[in-house]
PDB file of N, CA and C in Angstrom:
ATOM      1  N   MET A   1       3.544  13.336 -14.409  1.00  0.00           N
ATOM      2  CA  MET A   1       4.778  12.934 -13.768  1.00  0.00           C
ATOM      3  C   MET A   1       5.702  12.354 -14.821  1.00  0.00           C
ATOM      4  N   CYS A   2       6.972  12.761 -14.791  1.00  0.00           N
ATOM      5  CA  CYS A   2       7.967  12.259 -15.734  1.00  0.00           C
ATOM      6  C   CYS A   2       8.916  11.319 -15.000  1.00  0.00           C
ATOM      7  N   LEU A   3       8.953  10.090 -15.445  1.00  0.00           N
ATOM      8  CA  LEU A   3       9.861   9.103 -14.876  1.00  0.00           C
ATOM      9  C   LEU A   3      10.848   8.693 -15.948  1.00  0.00           C
ATOM     10  N   SER A   4      12.044   8.291 -15.534  1.00  0.00           N
ATOM     11  CA  SER A   4      13.086   7.945 -16.492  1.00  0.00           C
ATOM     12  C   SER A   4      13.642   6.557 -16.224  1.00  0.00           C
ATOM     13  N   THR A   5      14.301   6.044 -17.243  1.00  0.00           N
ATOM     14  CA  THR A   5      15.076   4.813 -17.129  1.00  0.00           C
ATOM     15  C   THR A   5      16.539   5.201 -17.221  1.00  0.00           C
ATOM     16  N   ALA A   6      17.360   4.679 -16.318  1.00  0.00           N
ATOM     17  CA  ALA A   6      18.791   4.969 -16.310  1.00  0.00           C
ATOM     18  C   ALA A   6      19.551   3.780 -16.891  1.00  0.00           C
ATOM     19  N   TYR A   7      20.481   4.087 -17.775  1.00  0.00           N
ATOM     20  CA  TYR A   7      21.288   3.067 -18.451  1.00  0.00           C
ATOM     21  C   TYR A   7      22.760   3.288 -18.141  1.00  0.00           C
ATOM     22  N   LEU A   8      23.541   2.221 -18.198  1.00  0.00           N
ATOM     23  CA  LEU A   8      24.980   2.309 -18.000  1.00  0.00           C
ATOM     24  C   LEU A   8      25.679   2.403 -19.355  1.00  0.00           C
ATOM     25  N   ASN A   9      26.307   3.512 -19.618  1.00  0.00           N
ATOM     26  CA  ASN A   9      27.170   3.780 -20.772  1.00  0.00           C
ATOM     27  C   ASN A   9      26.466   3.941 -22.113  1.00  0.00           C
ATOM     28  N   LYS A  10      25.352   3.262 -22.375  1.00  0.00           N
ATOM     29  CA  LYS A  10      24.595   3.473 -23.609  1.00  0.00           C
ATOM     30  C   LYS A  10      23.175   2.961 -23.435  1.00  0.00           C
ATOM     31  N   LYS A  11      22.281   3.483 -24.251  1.00  0.00           N
ATOM     32  CA  LYS A  11      20.874   3.133 -24.141  1.00  0.00           C
ATOM     33  C   LYS A  11      20.633   1.768 -24.784  1.00  0.00           C
ATOM     34  N   GLU A  12      20.676   0.761 -23.916  1.00  0.00           N
ATOM     35  CA  GLU A  12      20.508  -0.620 -24.350  1.00  0.00           C
ATOM     36  C   GLU A  12      19.790  -1.379 -23.237  1.00  0.00           C
ATOM     37  N   GLU A  13      18.808  -2.162 -23.598  1.00  0.00           N
ATOM     38  CA  GLU A  13      17.966  -2.873 -22.628  1.00  0.00           C
ATOM     39  C   GLU A  13      18.788  -3.656 -21.601  1.00  0.00           C
ATOM     40  N   SER A  14      19.856  -4.290 -22.033  1.00  0.00           N
ATOM     41  CA  SER A  14      20.661  -5.116 -21.118  1.00  0.00           C
ATOM     42  C   SER A  14      21.496  -4.277 -20.143  1.00  0.00           C
ATOM     43  N   LEU A  15      21.550  -2.972 -20.345  1.00  0.00           N
ATOM     44  CA  LEU A  15      22.369  -2.093 -19.505  1.00  0.00           C
ATOM     45  C   LEU A  15      21.537  -1.191 -18.597  1.00  0.00           C
ATOM     46  N   ILE A  16      20.296  -1.570 -18.328  1.00  0.00           N
ATOM     47  CA  ILE A  16      19.436  -0.768 -17.463  1.00  0.00           C
ATOM     48  C   ILE A  16      19.931  -0.846 -16.013  1.00  0.00           C
ATOM     49  N   ALA A  17      20.136   0.318 -15.412  1.00  0.00           N
ATOM     50  CA  ALA A  17      20.575   0.396 -14.018  1.00  0.00           C
ATOM     51  C   ALA A  17      19.398   0.615 -13.081  1.00  0.00           C
ATOM     52  N   ALA A  18      18.395   1.372 -13.538  1.00  0.00           N
ATOM     53  CA  ALA A  18      17.228   1.667 -12.704  1.00  0.00           C
ATOM     54  C   ALA A  18      16.065   2.077 -13.601  1.00  0.00           C
ATOM     55  N   ARG A  19      14.869   1.708 -13.179  1.00  0.00           N
ATOM     56  CA  ARG A  19      13.649   2.074 -13.899  1.00  0.00           C
ATOM     57  C   ARG A  19      12.787   2.993 -13.020  1.00  0.00           C
ATOM     58  N   TYR A  20      11.912   3.730 -13.656  1.00  0.00           N
ATOM     59  CA  TYR A  20      10.944   4.595 -12.960  1.00  0.00           C
ATOM     60  C   TYR A  20      11.631   5.575 -12.004  1.00  0.00           C
ATOM     61  N   VAL A  21      12.773   6.110 -12.442  1.00  0.00           N
ATOM     62  CA  VAL A  21      13.544   7.062 -11.634  1.00  0.00           C
ATOM     63  C   VAL A  21      12.805   8.398 -11.599  1.00  0.00           C
ATOM     64  N   ASP A  22      12.612   8.911 -10.377  1.00  0.00           N
ATOM     65  CA  ASP A  22      11.951  10.217 -10.270  1.00  0.00           C
ATOM     66  C   ASP A  22      12.866  11.302  -9.717  1.00  0.00           C
ATOM     67  N   SER A  23      14.036  10.937  -9.167  1.00  0.00           N
ATOM     68  CA  SER A  23      14.994  11.958  -8.751  1.00  0.00           C
ATOM     69  C   SER A  23      16.413  11.414  -8.853  1.00  0.00           C
ATOM     70  N   ILE A  24      17.340  12.341  -9.133  1.00  0.00           N
ATOM     71  CA  ILE A  24      18.751  11.988  -9.290  1.00  0.00           C
ATOM     72  C   ILE A  24      19.587  13.029  -8.566  1.00  0.00           C
ATOM     73  N   GLN A  25      20.586  12.549  -7.820  1.00  0.00           N
ATOM     74  CA  GLN A  25      21.573  13.424  -7.182  1.00  0.00           C
ATOM     75  C   GLN A  25      22.951  12.953  -7.617  1.00  0.00           C
ATOM     76  N   VAL A  26      23.881  13.890  -7.703  1.00  0.00           N
ATOM     77  CA  VAL A  26      25.275  13.562  -7.985  1.00  0.00           C
ATOM     78  C   VAL A  26      26.088  14.027  -6.796  1.00  0.00           C
ATOM     79  N   GLN A  27      26.802  13.079  -6.166  1.00  0.00           N
ATOM     80  CA  GLN A  27      27.592  13.405  -4.973  1.00  0.00           C
ATOM     81  C   GLN A  27      28.895  12.622  -4.993  1.00  0.00           C
ATOM     82  N   GLY A  28      30.003  13.340  -4.976  1.00  0.00           N
ATOM     83  CA  GLY A  28      31.312  12.716  -4.832  1.00  0.00           C
ATOM     84  C   GLY A  28      31.600  11.566  -5.782  1.00  0.00           C
ATOM     85  N   GLY A  29      31.308  11.737  -7.060  1.00  0.00           N
ATOM     86  CA  GLY A  29      31.598  10.693  -8.031  1.00  0.00           C
ATOM     87  C   GLY A  29      30.556   9.592  -8.104  1.00  0.00           C
ATOM     88  N   LYS A  30      29.426   9.780  -7.443  1.00  0.00           N
ATOM     89  CA  LYS A  30      28.339   8.805  -7.485  1.00  0.00           C
ATOM     90  C   LYS A  30      27.069   9.463  -8.011  1.00  0.00           C
ATOM     91  N   VAL A  31      26.308   8.683  -8.763  1.00  0.00           N
ATOM     92  CA  VAL A  31      24.983   9.097  -9.208  1.00  0.00           C
ATOM     93  C   VAL A  31      23.993   8.321  -8.344  1.00  0.00           C
ATOM     94  N   ILE A  32      23.159   9.043  -7.617  1.00  0.00           N
ATOM     95  CA  ILE A  32      22.218   8.426  -6.680  1.00  0.00           C
ATOM     96  C   ILE A  32      20.811   8.668  -7.209  1.00  0.00           C
ATOM     97  N   MET A  33      20.129   7.565  -7.536  1.00  0.00           N
ATOM     98  CA  MET A  33      18.799   7.645  -8.138  1.00  0.00           C
ATOM     99  C   MET A  33      17.768   7.052  -7.193  1.00  0.00           C
ATOM    100  N   THR A  34      16.623   7.695  -7.128  1.00  0.00           N
ATOM    101  CA  THR A  34      15.503   7.187  -6.336  1.00  0.00           C
ATOM    102  C   THR A  34      14.341   6.950  -7.277  1.00  0.00           C
ATOM    103  N   ASP A  35      13.741   5.750  -7.178  1.00  0.00           N
ATOM    104  CA  ASP A  35      12.614   5.463  -8.050  1.00  0.00           C
ATOM    105  C   ASP A  35      11.302   5.866  -7.390  1.00  0.00           C
ATOM    106  N   VAL A  36      10.221   5.706  -8.120  1.00  0.00           N
ATOM    107  CA  VAL A  36       8.919   6.165  -7.657  1.00  0.00           C
ATOM    108  C   VAL A  36       8.465   5.457  -6.379  1.00  0.00           C
ATOM    109  N   MET A  37       8.992   4.281  -6.098  1.00  0.00           N
ATOM    110  CA  MET A  37       8.637   3.542  -4.887  1.00  0.00           C
ATOM    111  C   MET A  37       9.586   3.830  -3.718  1.00  0.00           C
ATOM    112  N   GLY A  38      10.611   4.662  -3.955  1.00  0.00           N
ATOM    113  CA  GLY A  38      11.539   5.037  -2.896  1.00  0.00           C
ATOM    114  C   GLY A  38      12.813   4.212  -2.854  1.00  0.00           C
ATOM    115  N   ALA A  39      12.966   3.242  -3.757  1.00  0.00           N
ATOM    116  CA  ALA A  39      14.197   2.440  -3.800  1.00  0.00           C
ATOM    117  C   ALA A  39      15.341   3.296  -4.328  1.00  0.00           C
ATOM    118  N   VAL A  40      16.502   3.181  -3.684  1.00  0.00           N
ATOM    119  CA  VAL A  40      17.666   3.983  -4.044  1.00  0.00           C
ATOM    120  C   VAL A  40      18.701   3.098  -4.732  1.00  0.00           C
ATOM    121  N   THR A  41      19.243   3.605  -5.854  1.00  0.00           N
ATOM    122  CA  THR A  41      20.321   2.932  -6.580  1.00  0.00           C
ATOM    123  C   THR A  41      21.486   3.891  -6.669  1.00  0.00           C
ATOM    124  N   GLU A  42      22.691   3.439  -6.253  1.00  0.00           N
ATOM    125  CA  GLU A  42      23.897   4.262  -6.331  1.00  0.00           C
ATOM    126  C   GLU A  42      24.852   3.635  -7.338  1.00  0.00           C
ATOM    127  N   ILE A  43      25.351   4.464  -8.243  1.00  0.00           N
ATOM    128  CA  ILE A  43      26.289   4.020  -9.268  1.00  0.00           C
ATOM    129  C   ILE A  43      27.493   4.946  -9.234  1.00  0.00           C
ATOM    130  N   GLU A  44      28.702   4.381  -9.217  1.00  0.00           N
ATOM    131  CA  GLU A  44      29.894   5.210  -9.348  1.00  0.00           C
ATOM    132  C   GLU A  44      30.024   5.599 -10.807  1.00  0.00           C
ATOM    133  N   GLY A  45      30.018   6.899 -11.066  1.00  0.00           N
ATOM    134  CA  GLY A  45      30.104   7.388 -12.431  1.00  0.00           C
ATOM    135  C   GLY A  45      29.612   8.814 -12.527  1.00  0.00           C
ATOM    136  N   SER A  46      29.268   9.208 -13.743  1.00  0.00           N
ATOM    137  CA  SER A  46      28.783  10.567 -13.984  1.00  0.00           C
ATOM    138  C   SER A  46      27.678  10.525 -15.030  1.00  0.00           C
ATOM    139  N   ILE A  47      26.831  11.524 -15.005  1.00  0.00           N
ATOM    140  CA  ILE A  47      25.770  11.614 -15.993  1.00  0.00           C
ATOM    141  C   ILE A  47      26.380  12.120 -17.294  1.00  0.00           C
ATOM    142  N   SER A  48      26.188  11.371 -18.377  1.00  0.00           N
ATOM    143  CA  SER A  48      26.736  11.804 -19.660  1.00  0.00           C
ATOM    144  C   SER A  48      25.666  12.299 -20.626  1.00  0.00           C
ATOM    145  N   TYR A  49      24.387  11.907 -20.411  1.00  0.00           N
ATOM    146  CA  TYR A  49      23.328  12.321 -21.325  1.00  0.00           C
ATOM    147  C   TYR A  49      21.977  12.193 -20.634  1.00  0.00           C
ATOM    148  N   VAL A  50      21.102  13.169 -20.869  1.00  0.00           N
ATOM    149  CA  VAL A  50      19.740  13.117 -20.333  1.00  0.00           C
ATOM    150  C   VAL A  50      18.775  13.502 -21.448  1.00  0.00           C
ATOM    151  N   ASP A  51      17.789  12.645 -21.702  1.00  0.00           N
ATOM    152  CA  ASP A  51      16.712  12.923 -22.653  1.00  0.00           C
ATOM    153  C   ASP A  51      15.449  13.114 -21.821  1.00  0.00           C
ATOM    154  N   LEU A  52      15.085  14.351 -21.561  1.00  0.00           N
ATOM    155  CA  LEU A  52      13.962  14.647 -20.679  1.00  0.00           C
ATOM    156  C   LEU A  52      12.624  14.235 -21.280  1.00  0.00           C
ATOM    157  N   THR A  53      12.440  14.411 -22.566  1.00  0.00           N
ATOM    158  CA  THR A  53      11.171  14.024 -23.175  1.00  0.00           C
ATOM    159  C   THR A  53      11.090  12.526 -23.418  1.00  0.00           C
ATOM    160  N   GLY A  54      12.224  11.885 -23.636  1.00  0.00           N
ATOM    161  CA  GLY A  54      12.252  10.441 -23.879  1.00  0.00           C
ATOM    162  C   GLY A  54      12.394   9.618 -22.616  1.00  0.00           C
ATOM    163  N   GLY A  55      12.661  10.273 -21.493  1.00  0.00           N
ATOM    164  CA  GLY A  55      12.760   9.568 -20.219  1.00  0.00           C
ATOM    165  C   GLY A  55      13.959   8.649 -20.117  1.00  0.00           C
ATOM    166  N   ALA A  56      15.119   9.102 -20.612  1.00  0.00           N
ATOM    167  CA  ALA A  56      16.334   8.276 -20.562  1.00  0.00           C
ATOM    168  C   ALA A  56      17.493   9.069 -19.973  1.00  0.00           C
ATOM    169  N   VAL A  57      18.275   8.394 -19.132  1.00  0.00           N
ATOM    170  CA  VAL A  57      19.480   8.965 -18.543  1.00  0.00           C
ATOM    171  C   VAL A  57      20.610   7.975 -18.790  1.00  0.00           C
ATOM    172  N   ILE A  58      21.722   8.470 -19.312  1.00  0.00           N
ATOM    173  CA  ILE A  58      22.895   7.618 -19.536  1.00  0.00           C
ATOM    174  C   ILE A  58      23.938   7.992 -18.486  1.00  0.00           C
ATOM    175  N   ILE A  59      24.398   6.976 -17.764  1.00  0.00           N
ATOM    176  CA  ILE A  59      25.423   7.162 -16.742  1.00  0.00           C
ATOM    177  C   ILE A  59      26.712   6.532 -17.236  1.00  0.00           C
ATOM    178  N   SER A  60      27.755   7.338 -17.322  1.00  0.00           N
ATOM    179  CA  SER A  60      29.060   6.849 -17.757  1.00  0.00           C
ATOM    180  C   SER A  60      29.792   6.252 -16.547  1.00  0.00           C
ATOM    181  N   THR A  61      30.154   5.001 -16.670  1.00  0.00           N
ATOM    182  CA  THR A  61      30.915   4.340 -15.609  1.00  0.00           C
ATOM    183  C   THR A  61      32.355   4.082 -16.035  1.00  0.00           C
ATOM    184  N   GLU A  62      32.692   4.476 -17.231  1.00  0.00           N
ATOM    185  CA  GLU A  62      34.036   4.259 -17.762  1.00  0.00           C
ATOM    186  C   GLU A  62      34.988   5.302 -17.187  1.00  0.00           C
ATOM    187  N   ASN A  63      36.198   4.870 -16.864  1.00  0.00           N
ATOM    188  CA  ASN A  63      37.254   5.744 -16.329  1.00  0.00           C
ATOM    189  C   ASN A  63      36.913   6.270 -14.936  1.00  0.00           C
ATOM    190  N   ASN A  64      36.181   5.496 -14.137  1.00  0.00           N
ATOM    191  CA  ASN A  64      35.872   5.911 -12.763  1.00  0.00           C
ATOM    192  C   ASN A  64      36.557   5.011 -11.777  1.00  0.00           C
TER     193      ASN A  64
END
């Protein structure tokens, strides 16, 4: 199983938006992430970078 950590704008510990993310949807200017326990996190923004092997997702919240 591949789980990811989602960050806001850059990969930095203090900017973590969600941990153990197992699914991501993009709908109407929002990034909707669900973690392995079923908790949902919604962020207004767009996906700017995904590292599938490193388990990192960067969500751009600038200019939204």
